[in-house]
Every structure is written in C-alpha cells, then in structure tokens.
Amino acid sequence: MIKKLKTFVILTVATICSLPMMGQDLLARQAPIDRKMKAVDSMALHRLIQAESYDSPAADLYNDWNNRYAHQASVLPDTFRINLKNFCMPTTSRVITSNFGARWGRQHKGLDVKVYIGDTIRAAFSGKVRIVRYEGKGYGKYVVIRHNNGLETIYGHMSKQLVTEDQDVRAGDPIGLGGNTGRSTGSHLHFETRLCGIALNPALMFDFKNQDVVDDYYVFRKSTYNRESAEATRLRGVGGVAVSGDLDIPMARQSYASTSSSSSSSTKSVKTHTTRFHKVSKGETLSSIAKKRGMSVSAICKLNHIKSNTKIRPGQILRYN
C-alpha cells in the first residue's frame, strides 16, 4: 500500500512539473499559426479596402455616386495632394487649341486638344466610369471617370463612347473616339480635371506638348491656385499667354455652358488677353484667311504651328492673334 502511494505521489509531482513545459510547447506551436492568421487577416483587409476603392473611388471626398450630373460641387479642401503616378495621356496629340480660363466672355473649364474624328481617347488614370451620356448643347458624347487619386476627368465631343457606366477602367484603356459632337467648332477633345466638382486647370498636371505629367504629385492649395494656374497656362498653354482662370466655387450644380460672374477688373483683363480664332469655311485658303484677318500667311502659320503648304479643311480652327 505504501509503495503504491509513493508511486502515485511521484507521478503527480512529475505531471505538475511538466505542465509549464507543455504550456510553453503549446505557445511555441501556436506562434507560427498566429503569425499566419495575422497575415491572412491583413491580406483580407487589403482586398476589402481595394474592393471598396473600386466600388466607390475617392469616397472620402465625394458624398455620393451620381450618374445624372457631370459635375456637382461639394466641399473643396484647402489643401489636397493628388497622385499623378501611373498616368496615361488621354491622347497622343500635342496640340492645344484652347486654354483653360476666360474665353469669349465666360470661363472655359478645360483644355481643348486637337484630335481627328476616330482618334483613340484613353483614360488618364485608373478608376470607375461614372457617366456615359450625350449633351447636344454642351459636351456632346462624353465620359466622366472618377479616379482613386481624388480627381474626376471629363472627355467631351467624342464621336463614340467605348465604355459603360460603372465600368472599372485602367489608365490607358480606350474609352472613346475623337469627334465633333455637341457644342463644338471642329473635331477636338475637351478635357477637364475636377476636384470635388470644381474645375482645375489641366495644365497644372498635364503637359500635352511633352506627353507627360508635370510631376509625380500635384498639391492643390486654395491660397496659391490662381497664380499657379496662370503660370501653368503660360508654360503649357496656347501661345504661352496666361489668361484669367480663377477658381470658380459655385453654390449650385454647374453645366458646361454655365458662366461665372467676374469683377470689372477681371473683365478688363479678359479683353486684354482674348485669343481669337477663325473657323475655316469651304473654299477658304490660308491666303484668303490672312487677307480677311489683316495679317500675313507666315504669321498665321507661326501661330498655329503649321507650314504654308499645309492643307486646311472646312471646320478647322485657326488662331489669328
């Protein structure tokens, strides 16, 4: 009996002593599992964030996903950093035909880039197509894309749209073909860059002449925007002339044809820097246009970066001052 009791006591003590070691072994075996689970959780979270980003790009800047209005103003931050990496130029054309800013007594909300009917138009950044519509008195056939970097880009006057609403697109994907639809005086791409519905000068970010973006990032600041916009137009616009392009923050929904009020001083500035254009009619030549506008053929050619033997077409837009 005493022998059995001793054996029981020894076994009990041995079991108690081995428990911490067993616990340590269990923790050691559990640690890799915990690390794997953490990695799985992180991947799942990343996929979830990515899925939400594709579902509603830049959701922290925009209140809703509205497929009715091309642009609707919301609260514009005082400062916002826009990532310009992984971009694609919307067209290979290097010719700007009209600047952002004051034009013909109203604000032109984008850049006009010379393209021909049927030229491929591509998404500037990855994002999601918000609108594919036709507006006869404005954009014509146009596409609006909301991007993950906070921008929305608008592509107007196309002859054909190649995407559908709510479609995910990558930078460089074809989204339409160049055209002359809507309120247009010749085939071209009307290209807008908007932040929270407010039009920003695309020349701040895109350099069409060099087919590149200006930098990896553009930092928007309300306090310096107007000066920077004018400088961008001077450097990358038509004729190197900086025109008025004040930041227009409306209280209601905007349309492409809407105008903005301006002070008498800004109106005076607009008149001083107005760029004039001539729409080529059937049968006209460079010589007849030069005579009509009171200037030489060589001067017209220099302004439009063409040669004296360049064949002009009806509907073509030529600058003459």
C-alpha atoms as a PDB file:
ATOM      1  CA  MET A   1       0.000   0.000   0.000  1.00  0.00           C
ATOM      2  CA  ILE A   2       2.779   2.414   0.947  1.00  0.00           C
ATOM      3  CA  LYS A   3       4.591   1.521  -2.278  1.00  0.00           C
ATOM      4  CA  LYS A   4       1.532   2.330  -4.385  1.00  0.00           C
ATOM      5  CA  LEU A   5       1.075   5.610  -2.537  1.00  0.00           C
ATOM      6  CA  LYS A   6       4.694   6.610  -3.227  1.00  0.00           C
ATOM      7  CA  THR A   7       4.264   5.797  -6.906  1.00  0.00           C
ATOM      8  CA  PHE A   8       1.095   7.960  -7.089  1.00  0.00           C
ATOM      9  CA  VAL A   9       2.824  10.908  -5.383  1.00  0.00           C
ATOM     10  CA  ILE A  10       5.818  10.702  -7.742  1.00  0.00           C
ATOM     11  CA  LEU A  11       3.568  10.624 -10.819  1.00  0.00           C
ATOM     12  CA  THR A  12       1.516  13.554  -9.541  1.00  0.00           C
ATOM     13  CA  VAL A  13       4.604  15.683  -8.891  1.00  0.00           C
ATOM     14  CA  ALA A  14       6.027  14.811 -12.323  1.00  0.00           C
ATOM     15  CA  THR A  15       2.766  15.777 -14.028  1.00  0.00           C
ATOM     16  CA  ILE A  16       2.590  19.120 -12.194  1.00  0.00           C
ATOM     17  CA  CYS A  17       6.211  19.889 -13.091  1.00  0.00           C
ATOM     18  CA  SER A  18       5.642  19.111 -16.758  1.00  0.00           C
ATOM     19  CA  LEU A  19       2.610  21.447 -17.142  1.00  0.00           C
ATOM     20  CA  PRO A  20       4.668  24.687 -17.641  1.00  0.00           C
ATOM     21  CA  MET A  21       6.804  22.912 -20.209  1.00  0.00           C
ATOM     22  CA  MET A  22       3.724  21.662 -22.035  1.00  0.00           C
ATOM     23  CA  GLY A  23       2.279  25.198 -21.939  1.00  0.00           C
ATOM     24  CA  GLN A  24       5.469  26.607 -23.408  1.00  0.00           C
ATOM     25  CA  ASP A  25       5.462  23.955 -26.137  1.00  0.00           C
ATOM     26  CA  LEU A  26       1.845  24.809 -26.910  1.00  0.00           C
ATOM     27  CA  LEU A  27       2.635  28.530 -27.145  1.00  0.00           C
ATOM     28  CA  ALA A  28       5.649  27.796 -29.341  1.00  0.00           C
ATOM     29  CA  ARG A  29       3.481  25.730 -31.692  1.00  0.00           C
ATOM     30  CA  GLN A  30       0.734  28.383 -31.673  1.00  0.00           C
ATOM     31  CA  ALA A  31       3.019  31.337 -32.536  1.00  0.00           C
ATOM     32  CA  PRO A  32       3.500  30.464 -36.241  1.00  0.00           C
ATOM     33  CA  ILE A  33      -0.232  29.865 -36.548  1.00  0.00           C
ATOM     34  CA  ASP A  34      -0.941  33.290 -35.048  1.00  0.00           C
ATOM     35  CA  ARG A  35       1.500  34.918 -37.482  1.00  0.00           C
ATOM     36  CA  LYS A  36      -0.129  33.155 -40.415  1.00  0.00           C
ATOM     37  CA  MET A  37      -3.597  34.205 -39.273  1.00  0.00           C
ATOM     38  CA  LYS A  38      -2.397  37.796 -38.900  1.00  0.00           C
ATOM     39  CA  ALA A  39      -1.009  37.690 -42.432  1.00  0.00           C
ATOM     40  CA  VAL A  40      -4.292  36.259 -43.734  1.00  0.00           C
ATOM     41  CA  ASP A  41      -6.237  38.950 -41.894  1.00  0.00           C
ATOM     42  CA  SER A  42      -4.003  41.670 -43.387  1.00  0.00           C
ATOM     43  CA  MET A  43      -4.459  40.298 -46.909  1.00  0.00           C
ATOM     44  CA  ALA A  44      -8.205  40.056 -46.429  1.00  0.00           C
ATOM     45  CA  LEU A  45      -8.317  43.625 -45.134  1.00  0.00           C
ATOM     46  CA  HIS A  46      -6.223  44.818 -48.094  1.00  0.00           C
ATOM     47  CA  ARG A  47      -8.554  43.050 -50.530  1.00  0.00           C
ATOM     48  CA  LEU A  48     -11.561  44.572 -48.789  1.00  0.00           C
ATOM     49  CA  ILE A  49     -10.093  48.083 -48.977  1.00  0.00           C
ATOM     50  CA  GLN A  50      -9.181  47.539 -52.619  1.00  0.00           C
ATOM     51  CA  ALA A  51     -12.687  46.288 -53.415  1.00  0.00           C
ATOM     52  CA  GLU A  52     -14.267  49.283 -51.690  1.00  0.00           C
ATOM     53  CA  SER A  53     -11.910  51.579 -53.584  1.00  0.00           C
ATOM     54  CA  TYR A  54     -13.022  50.146 -56.910  1.00  0.00           C
ATOM     55  CA  ASP A  55     -16.647  50.210 -55.844  1.00  0.00           C
ATOM     56  CA  SER A  56     -16.528  53.898 -54.897  1.00  0.00           C
ATOM     57  CA  PRO A  57     -13.257  55.660 -55.808  1.00  0.00           C
ATOM     58  CA  ALA A  58     -12.271  58.612 -53.608  1.00  0.00           C
ATOM     59  CA  ALA A  59     -15.296  58.025 -51.363  1.00  0.00           C
ATOM     60  CA  ASP A  60     -13.745  60.199 -48.658  1.00  0.00           C
ATOM     61  CA  LEU A  61     -14.024  63.247 -50.966  1.00  0.00           C
ATOM     62  CA  TYR A  62     -17.441  62.689 -52.543  1.00  0.00           C
ATOM     63  CA  ASN A  63     -20.817  62.367 -50.868  1.00  0.00           C
ATOM     64  CA  ASP A  64     -22.419  60.117 -53.448  1.00  0.00           C
ATOM     65  CA  TRP A  65     -22.142  58.346 -56.767  1.00  0.00           C
ATOM     66  CA  ASN A  66     -24.430  60.363 -59.021  1.00  0.00           C
ATOM     67  CA  ASN A  67     -24.862  59.383 -62.663  1.00  0.00           C
ATOM     68  CA  ARG A  68     -27.025  62.357 -63.559  1.00  0.00           C
ATOM     69  CA  TYR A  69     -24.748  65.373 -63.235  1.00  0.00           C
ATOM     70  CA  ALA A  70     -21.396  65.681 -64.996  1.00  0.00           C
ATOM     71  CA  HIS A  71     -20.140  67.701 -62.056  1.00  0.00           C
ATOM     72  CA  GLN A  72     -21.676  68.783 -58.791  1.00  0.00           C
ATOM     73  CA  ALA A  73     -19.712  70.966 -56.398  1.00  0.00           C
ATOM     74  CA  SER A  74     -19.005  69.633 -52.914  1.00  0.00           C
ATOM     75  CA  VAL A  75     -16.725  70.842 -50.126  1.00  0.00           C
ATOM     76  CA  LEU A  76     -13.298  71.591 -51.575  1.00  0.00           C
ATOM     77  CA  PRO A  77     -10.403  71.019 -49.143  1.00  0.00           C
ATOM     78  CA  ASP A  78      -7.955  73.861 -48.561  1.00  0.00           C
ATOM     79  CA  THR A  79      -5.111  71.513 -49.443  1.00  0.00           C
ATOM     80  CA  PHE A  80      -5.121  68.164 -51.224  1.00  0.00           C
ATOM     81  CA  ARG A  81      -2.314  66.019 -52.625  1.00  0.00           C
ATOM     82  CA  ILE A  82      -3.129  64.396 -55.983  1.00  0.00           C
ATOM     83  CA  ASN A  83      -1.100  61.359 -57.030  1.00  0.00           C
ATOM     84  CA  LEU A  84      -0.182  61.653 -60.739  1.00  0.00           C
ATOM     85  CA  LYS A  85       1.785  58.399 -60.980  1.00  0.00           C
ATOM     86  CA  ASN A  86       0.603  55.547 -63.214  1.00  0.00           C
ATOM     87  CA  PHE A  87      -0.971  58.000 -65.654  1.00  0.00           C
ATOM     88  CA  CYS A  88      -1.687  57.851 -69.358  1.00  0.00           C
ATOM     89  CA  MET A  89      -2.031  60.845 -71.662  1.00  0.00           C
ATOM     90  CA  PRO A  90      -5.645  60.852 -72.907  1.00  0.00           C
ATOM     91  CA  THR A  91      -4.435  61.465 -76.465  1.00  0.00           C
ATOM     92  CA  THR A  92      -1.129  61.392 -78.294  1.00  0.00           C
ATOM     93  CA  SER A  93      -1.873  64.826 -79.757  1.00  0.00           C
ATOM     94  CA  ARG A  94       0.492  67.582 -78.618  1.00  0.00           C
ATOM     95  CA  VAL A  95      -1.570  70.483 -79.976  1.00  0.00           C
ATOM     96  CA  ILE A  96      -3.580  72.614 -77.522  1.00  0.00           C
ATOM     97  CA  THR A  97      -6.150  74.731 -79.373  1.00  0.00           C
ATOM     98  CA  SER A  98      -7.805  76.498 -76.442  1.00  0.00           C
ATOM     99  CA  ASN A  99      -6.674  77.281 -72.909  1.00  0.00           C
ATOM    100  CA  PHE A 100      -8.391  76.789 -69.598  1.00  0.00           C
ATOM    101  CA  GLY A 101      -9.854  80.023 -68.250  1.00  0.00           C
ATOM    102  CA  ALA A 102     -11.543  83.094 -69.639  1.00  0.00           C
ATOM    103  CA  ARG A 103     -12.690  82.679 -73.237  1.00  0.00           C
ATOM    104  CA  TRP A 104     -15.271  84.609 -75.245  1.00  0.00           C
ATOM    105  CA  GLY A 105     -16.717  86.232 -72.123  1.00  0.00           C
ATOM    106  CA  ARG A 106     -17.026  83.116 -69.991  1.00  0.00           C
ATOM    107  CA  GLN A 107     -14.905  80.534 -68.217  1.00  0.00           C
ATOM    108  CA  HIS A 108     -13.658  77.615 -70.307  1.00  0.00           C
ATOM    109  CA  LYS A 109     -13.460  74.745 -67.816  1.00  0.00           C
ATOM    110  CA  GLY A 110     -10.951  72.544 -69.591  1.00  0.00           C
ATOM    111  CA  LEU A 111      -8.298  72.270 -72.280  1.00  0.00           C
ATOM    112  CA  ASP A 112      -9.150  71.709 -75.937  1.00  0.00           C
ATOM    113  CA  VAL A 113      -6.727  69.311 -77.595  1.00  0.00           C
ATOM    114  CA  LYS A 114      -6.667  68.847 -81.355  1.00  0.00           C
ATOM    115  CA  VAL A 115      -7.745  65.335 -82.348  1.00  0.00           C
ATOM    116  CA  TYR A 116      -9.310  63.954 -85.502  1.00  0.00           C
ATOM    117  CA  ILE A 117     -12.541  62.017 -85.768  1.00  0.00           C
ATOM    118  CA  GLY A 118     -11.796  58.409 -84.860  1.00  0.00           C
ATOM    119  CA  ASP A 119      -8.626  59.075 -82.846  1.00  0.00           C
ATOM    120  CA  THR A 120      -8.392  56.891 -79.721  1.00  0.00           C
ATOM    121  CA  ILE A 121      -9.119  58.624 -76.416  1.00  0.00           C
ATOM    122  CA  ARG A 122      -7.800  56.881 -73.298  1.00  0.00           C
ATOM    123  CA  ALA A 123      -8.444  57.001 -69.533  1.00  0.00           C
ATOM    124  CA  ALA A 124      -5.916  59.282 -67.841  1.00  0.00           C
ATOM    125  CA  PHE A 125      -5.852  57.253 -64.601  1.00  0.00           C
ATOM    126  CA  SER A 126      -7.402  54.069 -63.263  1.00  0.00           C
ATOM    127  CA  GLY A 127     -10.864  54.474 -61.827  1.00  0.00           C
ATOM    128  CA  LYS A 128     -14.546  53.886 -62.430  1.00  0.00           C
ATOM    129  CA  VAL A 129     -16.763  55.292 -65.172  1.00  0.00           C
ATOM    130  CA  ARG A 130     -19.464  57.423 -63.602  1.00  0.00           C
ATOM    131  CA  ILE A 131     -21.261  58.878 -66.630  1.00  0.00           C
ATOM    132  CA  VAL A 132     -21.617  57.964 -70.306  1.00  0.00           C
ATOM    133  CA  ARG A 133     -24.084  60.376 -71.872  1.00  0.00           C
ATOM    134  CA  TYR A 134     -24.859  62.777 -74.717  1.00  0.00           C
ATOM    135  CA  GLU A 135     -25.399  66.504 -74.274  1.00  0.00           C
ATOM    136  CA  GLY A 136     -26.327  68.232 -77.526  1.00  0.00           C
ATOM    137  CA  LYS A 137     -25.733  71.798 -76.339  1.00  0.00           C
ATOM    138  CA  GLY A 138     -22.579  71.068 -74.403  1.00  0.00           C
ATOM    139  CA  TYR A 139     -20.184  68.142 -74.143  1.00  0.00           C
ATOM    140  CA  GLY A 140     -21.748  66.134 -76.974  1.00  0.00           C
ATOM    141  CA  LYS A 141     -20.878  62.477 -76.423  1.00  0.00           C
ATOM    142  CA  TYR A 142     -18.874  62.489 -73.206  1.00  0.00           C
ATOM    143  CA  VAL A 143     -17.494  60.275 -70.447  1.00  0.00           C
ATOM    144  CA  VAL A 144     -16.834  61.087 -66.777  1.00  0.00           C
ATOM    145  CA  ILE A 145     -14.407  58.932 -64.777  1.00  0.00           C
ATOM    146  CA  ARG A 146     -13.815  59.140 -61.035  1.00  0.00           C
ATOM    147  CA  HIS A 147     -10.287  58.185 -60.029  1.00  0.00           C
ATOM    148  CA  ASN A 148      -8.778  56.867 -56.817  1.00  0.00           C
ATOM    149  CA  ASN A 149      -6.464  59.893 -56.601  1.00  0.00           C
ATOM    150  CA  GLY A 150      -9.475  62.164 -55.998  1.00  0.00           C
ATOM    151  CA  LEU A 151      -9.778  63.615 -59.482  1.00  0.00           C
ATOM    152  CA  GLU A 152     -12.636  63.262 -61.907  1.00  0.00           C
ATOM    153  CA  THR A 153     -11.779  63.591 -65.595  1.00  0.00           C
ATOM    154  CA  ILE A 154     -14.242  64.536 -68.327  1.00  0.00           C
ATOM    155  CA  TYR A 155     -13.769  63.740 -72.015  1.00  0.00           C
ATOM    156  CA  GLY A 156     -16.082  65.674 -74.336  1.00  0.00           C
ATOM    157  CA  HIS A 157     -17.148  65.957 -78.017  1.00  0.00           C
ATOM    158  CA  MET A 158     -16.306  62.326 -78.838  1.00  0.00           C
ATOM    159  CA  SER A 159     -17.760  60.572 -81.870  1.00  0.00           C
ATOM    160  CA  LYS A 160     -18.205  57.310 -79.975  1.00  0.00           C
ATOM    161  CA  GLN A 161     -18.047  56.095 -76.370  1.00  0.00           C
ATOM    162  CA  LEU A 162     -16.377  52.727 -75.776  1.00  0.00           C
ATOM    163  CA  VAL A 163     -17.227  52.223 -72.083  1.00  0.00           C
ATOM    164  CA  THR A 164     -20.350  51.873 -69.962  1.00  0.00           C
ATOM    165  CA  GLU A 165     -21.375  53.445 -66.663  1.00  0.00           C
ATOM    166  CA  ASP A 166     -19.995  51.758 -63.515  1.00  0.00           C
ATOM    167  CA  GLN A 167     -17.255  50.068 -65.550  1.00  0.00           C
ATOM    168  CA  ASP A 168     -13.814  49.772 -63.967  1.00  0.00           C
ATOM    169  CA  VAL A 169     -11.029  51.080 -66.196  1.00  0.00           C
ATOM    170  CA  ARG A 170      -7.263  51.141 -66.031  1.00  0.00           C
ATOM    171  CA  ALA A 171      -5.059  54.035 -67.060  1.00  0.00           C
ATOM    172  CA  GLY A 172      -4.623  53.802 -70.823  1.00  0.00           C
ATOM    173  CA  ASP A 173      -7.809  51.864 -71.532  1.00  0.00           C
ATOM    174  CA  PRO A 174      -9.612  53.158 -74.663  1.00  0.00           C
ATOM    175  CA  ILE A 175     -12.778  54.964 -73.564  1.00  0.00           C
ATOM    176  CA  GLY A 176     -13.871  56.688 -76.768  1.00  0.00           C
ATOM    177  CA  LEU A 177     -13.044  58.080 -80.190  1.00  0.00           C
ATOM    178  CA  GLY A 178     -12.292  61.679 -81.096  1.00  0.00           C
ATOM    179  CA  GLY A 179     -15.134  63.648 -82.622  1.00  0.00           C
ATOM    180  CA  ASN A 180     -17.025  66.880 -83.124  1.00  0.00           C
ATOM    181  CA  THR A 181     -20.319  66.290 -81.270  1.00  0.00           C
ATOM    182  CA  GLY A 182     -22.187  68.781 -79.095  1.00  0.00           C
ATOM    183  CA  ARG A 183     -21.239  72.449 -78.930  1.00  0.00           C
ATOM    184  CA  SER A 184     -18.056  72.186 -80.941  1.00  0.00           C
ATOM    185  CA  THR A 185     -16.481  74.126 -83.808  1.00  0.00           C
ATOM    186  CA  GLY A 186     -14.233  71.374 -85.127  1.00  0.00           C
ATOM    187  CA  SER A 187     -13.006  67.956 -84.094  1.00  0.00           C
ATOM    188  CA  HIS A 188     -11.168  68.110 -80.779  1.00  0.00           C
ATOM    189  CA  LEU A 189     -11.085  66.644 -77.281  1.00  0.00           C
ATOM    190  CA  HIS A 190     -12.423  68.807 -74.481  1.00  0.00           C
ATOM    191  CA  PHE A 191     -10.537  67.537 -71.418  1.00  0.00           C
ATOM    192  CA  GLU A 192     -11.396  68.536 -67.848  1.00  0.00           C
ATOM    193  CA  THR A 193      -9.831  67.724 -64.482  1.00  0.00           C
ATOM    194  CA  ARG A 194     -12.088  68.323 -61.483  1.00  0.00           C
ATOM    195  CA  LEU A 195     -11.641  68.007 -57.731  1.00  0.00           C
ATOM    196  CA  CYS A 196     -14.857  67.789 -55.695  1.00  0.00           C
ATOM    197  CA  GLY A 197     -16.727  69.021 -58.780  1.00  0.00           C
ATOM    198  CA  ILE A 198     -14.560  72.149 -59.131  1.00  0.00           C
ATOM    199  CA  ALA A 199     -12.673  72.562 -62.417  1.00  0.00           C
ATOM    200  CA  LEU A 200      -8.892  72.744 -62.055  1.00  0.00           C
ATOM    201  CA  ASN A 201      -6.582  73.772 -64.869  1.00  0.00           C
ATOM    202  CA  PRO A 202      -5.364  70.531 -66.523  1.00  0.00           C
ATOM    203  CA  ALA A 203      -2.125  72.341 -67.432  1.00  0.00           C
ATOM    204  CA  LEU A 204      -1.217  72.201 -63.728  1.00  0.00           C
ATOM    205  CA  MET A 205      -0.887  68.452 -64.084  1.00  0.00           C
ATOM    206  CA  PHE A 206      -0.626  67.535 -67.776  1.00  0.00           C
ATOM    207  CA  ASP A 207       1.962  68.661 -70.315  1.00  0.00           C
ATOM    208  CA  PHE A 208       0.480  67.703 -73.678  1.00  0.00           C
ATOM    209  CA  LYS A 209       3.359  69.161 -75.675  1.00  0.00           C
ATOM    210  CA  ASN A 210       5.797  66.806 -73.937  1.00  0.00           C
ATOM    211  CA  GLN A 211       3.260  63.985 -73.446  1.00  0.00           C
ATOM    212  CA  ASP A 212       3.930  63.781 -69.733  1.00  0.00           C
ATOM    213  CA  VAL A 213       2.629  64.817 -66.346  1.00  0.00           C
ATOM    214  CA  VAL A 214       4.283  67.768 -64.638  1.00  0.00           C
ATOM    215  CA  ASP A 215       5.379  65.799 -61.550  1.00  0.00           C
ATOM    216  CA  ASP A 216       4.595  62.656 -59.553  1.00  0.00           C
ATOM    217  CA  TYR A 217       2.204  64.698 -57.394  1.00  0.00           C
ATOM    218  CA  TYR A 218       0.266  67.920 -57.610  1.00  0.00           C
ATOM    219  CA  VAL A 219      -0.537  69.607 -54.311  1.00  0.00           C
ATOM    220  CA  PHE A 220      -3.684  71.705 -54.658  1.00  0.00           C
ATOM    221  CA  ARG A 221      -3.799  74.775 -52.406  1.00  0.00           C
ATOM    222  CA  LYS A 222      -6.672  77.243 -52.488  1.00  0.00           C
ATOM    223  CA  SER A 223      -4.373  80.072 -51.432  1.00  0.00           C
ATOM    224  CA  THR A 224      -1.981  79.738 -54.385  1.00  0.00           C
ATOM    225  CA  TYR A 225      -4.128  78.065 -57.045  1.00  0.00           C
ATOM    226  CA  ASN A 226      -4.940  81.126 -59.192  1.00  0.00           C
ATOM    227  CA  ARG A 227      -1.311  82.202 -59.519  1.00  0.00           C
ATOM    228  CA  GLU A 228      -0.179  78.634 -60.241  1.00  0.00           C
ATOM    229  CA  SER A 229      -2.947  78.160 -62.820  1.00  0.00           C
ATOM    230  CA  ALA A 230      -1.940  81.303 -64.721  1.00  0.00           C
ATOM    231  CA  GLU A 231       1.701  80.229 -64.695  1.00  0.00           C
ATOM    232  CA  ALA A 232       0.787  76.725 -65.935  1.00  0.00           C
ATOM    233  CA  THR A 233      -1.119  78.236 -68.863  1.00  0.00           C
ATOM    234  CA  ARG A 234       1.814  80.481 -69.683  1.00  0.00           C
ATOM    235  CA  LEU A 235       4.172  77.496 -69.723  1.00  0.00           C
ATOM    236  CA  ARG A 236       1.957  74.834 -71.296  1.00  0.00           C
ATOM    237  CA  GLY A 237      -0.958  76.585 -72.969  1.00  0.00           C
ATOM    238  CA  VAL A 238      -1.687  78.107 -76.378  1.00  0.00           C
ATOM    239  CA  GLY A 239       0.813  80.776 -77.347  1.00  0.00           C
ATOM    240  CA  GLY A 240       2.308  80.944 -73.872  1.00  0.00           C
ATOM    241  CA  VAL A 241      -0.206  83.583 -72.756  1.00  0.00           C
ATOM    242  CA  ALA A 242      -1.552  83.387 -69.207  1.00  0.00           C
ATOM    243  CA  VAL A 243      -5.254  84.247 -69.164  1.00  0.00           C
ATOM    244  CA  SER A 244      -7.628  84.638 -66.249  1.00  0.00           C
ATOM    245  CA  GLY A 245      -8.592  81.239 -64.805  1.00  0.00           C
ATOM    246  CA  ASP A 246      -9.855  81.961 -61.330  1.00  0.00           C
ATOM    247  CA  LEU A 247     -11.021  79.122 -59.133  1.00  0.00           C
ATOM    248  CA  ASP A 248     -14.791  79.046 -59.515  1.00  0.00           C
ATOM    249  CA  ILE A 249     -16.597  77.591 -56.483  1.00  0.00           C
ATOM    250  CA  PRO A 250     -20.340  77.706 -57.281  1.00  0.00           C
ATOM    251  CA  MET A 251     -23.177  77.286 -54.824  1.00  0.00           C
ATOM    252  CA  ALA A 252     -25.262  75.109 -57.134  1.00  0.00           C
ATOM    253  CA  ARG A 253     -24.854  72.482 -59.838  1.00  0.00           C
ATOM    254  CA  GLN A 254     -22.842  73.581 -62.853  1.00  0.00           C
ATOM    255  CA  SER A 255     -23.266  72.831 -66.541  1.00  0.00           C
ATOM    256  CA  TYR A 256     -20.770  73.046 -69.374  1.00  0.00           C
ATOM    257  CA  ALA A 257     -22.479  76.171 -70.733  1.00  0.00           C
ATOM    258  CA  SER A 258     -22.678  77.989 -67.402  1.00  0.00           C
ATOM    259  CA  THR A 259     -20.882  81.277 -66.891  1.00  0.00           C
ATOM    260  CA  SER A 260     -19.362  82.784 -63.786  1.00  0.00           C
ATOM    261  CA  SER A 261     -19.583  86.357 -62.595  1.00  0.00           C
ATOM    262  CA  SER A 262     -16.438  88.455 -62.581  1.00  0.00           C
ATOM    263  CA  SER A 263     -15.362  91.852 -61.407  1.00  0.00           C
ATOM    264  CA  SER A 264     -14.809  94.777 -63.753  1.00  0.00           C
ATOM    265  CA  SER A 265     -11.058  94.405 -63.337  1.00  0.00           C
ATOM    266  CA  SER A 266     -11.087  90.748 -64.345  1.00  0.00           C
ATOM    267  CA  THR A 267     -13.323  91.581 -67.329  1.00  0.00           C
ATOM    268  CA  LYS A 268     -10.773  94.163 -68.415  1.00  0.00           C
ATOM    269  CA  SER A 269      -8.039  91.530 -68.119  1.00  0.00           C
ATOM    270  CA  VAL A 270     -10.051  89.099 -70.245  1.00  0.00           C
ATOM    271  CA  LYS A 271     -10.444  91.662 -73.025  1.00  0.00           C
ATOM    272  CA  THR A 272      -6.737  92.359 -72.965  1.00  0.00           C
ATOM    273  CA  HIS A 273      -5.761  88.710 -73.384  1.00  0.00           C
ATOM    274  CA  THR A 274      -8.590  87.363 -75.563  1.00  0.00           C
ATOM    275  CA  THR A 275      -7.315  84.897 -78.137  1.00  0.00           C
ATOM    276  CA  ARG A 276      -9.235  84.990 -81.428  1.00  0.00           C
ATOM    277  CA  PHE A 277      -9.923  82.060 -83.722  1.00  0.00           C
ATOM    278  CA  HIS A 278     -11.116  81.617 -87.288  1.00  0.00           C
ATOM    279  CA  LYS A 279     -13.286  78.679 -88.335  1.00  0.00           C
ATOM    280  CA  VAL A 280     -12.328  77.588 -91.839  1.00  0.00           C
ATOM    281  CA  SER A 281     -15.178  77.648 -94.345  1.00  0.00           C
ATOM    282  CA  LYS A 282     -15.423  75.618 -97.548  1.00  0.00           C
ATOM    283  CA  GLY A 283     -13.204  77.051-100.269  1.00  0.00           C
ATOM    284  CA  GLU A 284     -11.051  79.159 -97.955  1.00  0.00           C
ATOM    285  CA  THR A 285      -7.251  79.101 -98.157  1.00  0.00           C
ATOM    286  CA  LEU A 286      -4.512  80.372 -95.869  1.00  0.00           C
ATOM    287  CA  SER A 287      -4.076  83.330 -98.227  1.00  0.00           C
ATOM    288  CA  SER A 288      -7.754  84.305 -98.191  1.00  0.00           C
ATOM    289  CA  ILE A 289      -7.940  83.935 -94.393  1.00  0.00           C
ATOM    290  CA  ALA A 290      -4.777  86.017 -93.918  1.00  0.00           C
ATOM    291  CA  LYS A 291      -6.217  88.748 -96.147  1.00  0.00           C
ATOM    292  CA  LYS A 292      -9.540  88.670 -94.319  1.00  0.00           C
ATOM    293  CA  ARG A 293      -7.857  88.928 -90.916  1.00  0.00           C
ATOM    294  CA  GLY A 294      -5.347  91.558 -91.980  1.00  0.00           C
ATOM    295  CA  MET A 295      -2.182  89.565 -91.426  1.00  0.00           C
ATOM    296  CA  SER A 296       0.382  87.521 -93.342  1.00  0.00           C
ATOM    297  CA  VAL A 297       0.252  83.810 -94.131  1.00  0.00           C
ATOM    298  CA  SER A 298       3.551  83.304 -92.307  1.00  0.00           C
ATOM    299  CA  ALA A 299       2.095  84.908 -89.161  1.00  0.00           C
ATOM    300  CA  ILE A 300      -0.918  82.564 -89.209  1.00  0.00           C
ATOM    301  CA  CYS A 301       1.367  79.594 -89.784  1.00  0.00           C
ATOM    302  CA  LYS A 302       3.580  80.588 -86.864  1.00  0.00           C
ATOM    303  CA  LEU A 303       0.611  80.986 -84.505  1.00  0.00           C
ATOM    304  CA  ASN A 304      -0.811  77.579 -85.459  1.00  0.00           C
ATOM    305  CA  HIS A 305       2.493  75.699 -85.818  1.00  0.00           C
ATOM    306  CA  ILE A 306       1.773  74.755 -89.435  1.00  0.00           C
ATOM    307  CA  LYS A 307       3.516  75.253 -92.788  1.00  0.00           C
ATOM    308  CA  SER A 308       2.374  77.465 -95.661  1.00  0.00           C
ATOM    309  CA  ASN A 309       1.652  74.367 -97.759  1.00  0.00           C
ATOM    310  CA  THR A 310      -0.406  72.669 -95.036  1.00  0.00           C
ATOM    311  CA  LYS A 311      -3.810  71.608 -96.331  1.00  0.00           C
ATOM    312  CA  ILE A 312      -6.601  73.142 -94.278  1.00  0.00           C
ATOM    313  CA  ARG A 313     -10.094  71.675 -94.006  1.00  0.00           C
ATOM    314  CA  PRO A 314     -13.570  73.149 -93.529  1.00  0.00           C
ATOM    315  CA  GLY A 315     -14.379  73.305 -89.810  1.00  0.00           C
ATOM    316  CA  GLN A 316     -10.727  73.592 -88.783  1.00  0.00           C
ATOM    317  CA  ILE A 317      -9.967  76.202 -86.127  1.00  0.00           C
ATOM    318  CA  LEU A 318      -7.065  78.588 -86.700  1.00  0.00           C
ATOM    319  CA  ARG A 319      -5.739  81.133 -84.268  1.00  0.00           C
ATOM    320  CA  TYR A 320      -5.177  84.584 -85.790  1.00  0.00           C
ATOM    321  CA  ASN A 321      -3.938  86.863 -82.973  1.00  0.00           C
END
